[in-house]
Protein backbone atom coordinates (compact mmCIF):
# COMPACT_ATOMS: atom_id res chain seq x y z
CA UNK A 1 -95.94 -28.37 32.62
CA UNK A 2 -92.96 -26.60 31.08
CA UNK A 3 -92.46 -29.60 28.83
CA UNK A 4 -95.79 -29.02 27.07
CA UNK A 5 -95.58 -26.31 24.44
CA UNK A 6 -98.40 -24.56 22.60
CA UNK A 7 -99.36 -27.50 20.39
CA UNK A 8 -102.04 -25.55 18.54
CA UNK A 9 -99.50 -22.90 17.51
CA UNK A 10 -96.93 -25.50 16.49
CA UNK A 11 -99.40 -27.51 14.40
CA UNK A 12 -100.51 -24.29 12.67
CA UNK A 13 -96.86 -23.58 11.80
CA UNK A 14 -96.42 -27.16 10.54
CA UNK A 15 -99.59 -26.87 8.42
CA UNK A 16 -98.47 -23.57 6.92
CA UNK A 17 -94.97 -24.86 6.22
CA UNK A 18 -93.29 -22.34 8.51
CA UNK A 19 -92.29 -24.68 11.35
CA UNK A 20 -88.62 -24.83 12.23
CA UNK A 21 -86.67 -27.76 13.72
CA UNK A 22 -87.12 -26.43 17.28
CA UNK A 23 -90.90 -26.40 16.71
CA UNK A 24 -90.81 -30.08 15.71
CA UNK A 25 -88.71 -30.93 18.77
CA UNK A 26 -91.17 -29.04 20.99
CA UNK A 27 -94.08 -30.91 19.37
CA UNK A 28 -92.37 -34.28 19.94
CA UNK A 29 -91.58 -33.48 23.60
CA UNK A 30 -95.09 -32.18 24.24
CA UNK A 31 -96.70 -35.28 22.77
CA UNK A 32 -94.43 -37.54 24.84
CA UNK A 33 -95.43 -35.64 27.98
CA UNK A 34 -99.10 -35.95 27.07
CA UNK A 35 -98.63 -39.72 26.64
CA UNK A 36 -97.13 -39.90 30.13
CA UNK A 37 -99.97 -37.87 31.62
CA UNK A 38 -102.50 -40.06 29.80
CA UNK A 39 -100.98 -43.21 31.32
CA UNK A 40 -101.18 -41.70 34.81
CA UNK A 41 -104.81 -40.73 34.29
CA UNK A 42 -105.69 -44.19 32.91
CA UNK A 43 -104.19 -45.82 36.00
CA UNK A 44 -106.27 -43.71 38.40
CA UNK A 45 -109.39 -45.39 39.70
CA UNK A 46 -112.69 -43.83 38.73
CA UNK A 47 -111.38 -41.60 35.96
CA UNK A 48 -112.74 -42.22 32.49
CA UNK A 49 -110.59 -39.97 30.37
CA UNK A 50 -109.20 -40.97 26.98
CA UNK A 51 -106.40 -39.18 25.17
CA UNK A 52 -105.64 -40.52 21.68
CA UNK A 53 -102.35 -42.41 21.35
CA UNK A 54 -99.62 -40.47 19.56
CA UNK A 55 -96.58 -42.73 19.94
CA UNK A 56 -96.36 -43.31 16.19
CA UNK A 57 -95.96 -39.58 15.56
CA UNK A 58 -93.37 -39.07 18.28
CA UNK A 59 -91.39 -42.09 17.08
CA UNK A 60 -91.39 -40.79 13.50
CA UNK A 61 -90.17 -37.35 14.58
CA UNK A 62 -87.54 -38.94 16.86
CA UNK A 63 -86.24 -41.17 14.08
CA UNK A 64 -85.37 -38.25 11.79
CA UNK A 65 -84.93 -35.14 13.93
CA UNK A 66 -81.66 -34.56 15.75
CA UNK A 67 -81.90 -34.79 19.54
CA UNK A 68 -80.79 -31.15 19.83
CA UNK A 69 -81.85 -29.55 16.55
CA UNK A 70 -80.76 -26.08 15.55
CA UNK A 71 -83.32 -23.34 15.14
CA UNK A 72 -82.86 -23.08 11.39
CA UNK A 73 -82.93 -25.53 8.51
CA UNK A 74 -79.83 -23.77 7.18
CA UNK A 75 -77.76 -25.12 10.07
CA UNK A 76 -76.34 -28.62 10.00
CA UNK A 77 -77.72 -30.09 13.24
CA UNK A 78 -81.28 -30.86 12.11
CA UNK A 79 -81.54 -34.37 10.67
CA UNK A 80 -80.07 -37.37 12.44
CA UNK A 81 -77.06 -38.70 10.63
CA UNK A 82 -78.27 -42.01 9.24
CA UNK A 83 -76.42 -44.39 7.04
CA UNK A 84 -78.51 -44.74 3.92
């Protein structure tokens, strides 16, 4: 479960405006892992457990955030280089 970060802490940082690019990457990776776990649970017989879908959020983060973002917004490797 190393790929699941403290989502509550990260969302608090996002809400307060103090999240850094690494926080957003950790949020994206955690949500992707939760999606994978949810699919495994849904496929198990006899388990009635529903985790809300979050693919839209992870796709949005992935579309803008660099795959290996720097820790600070002051550094260059934060936003994917897109042709506008």
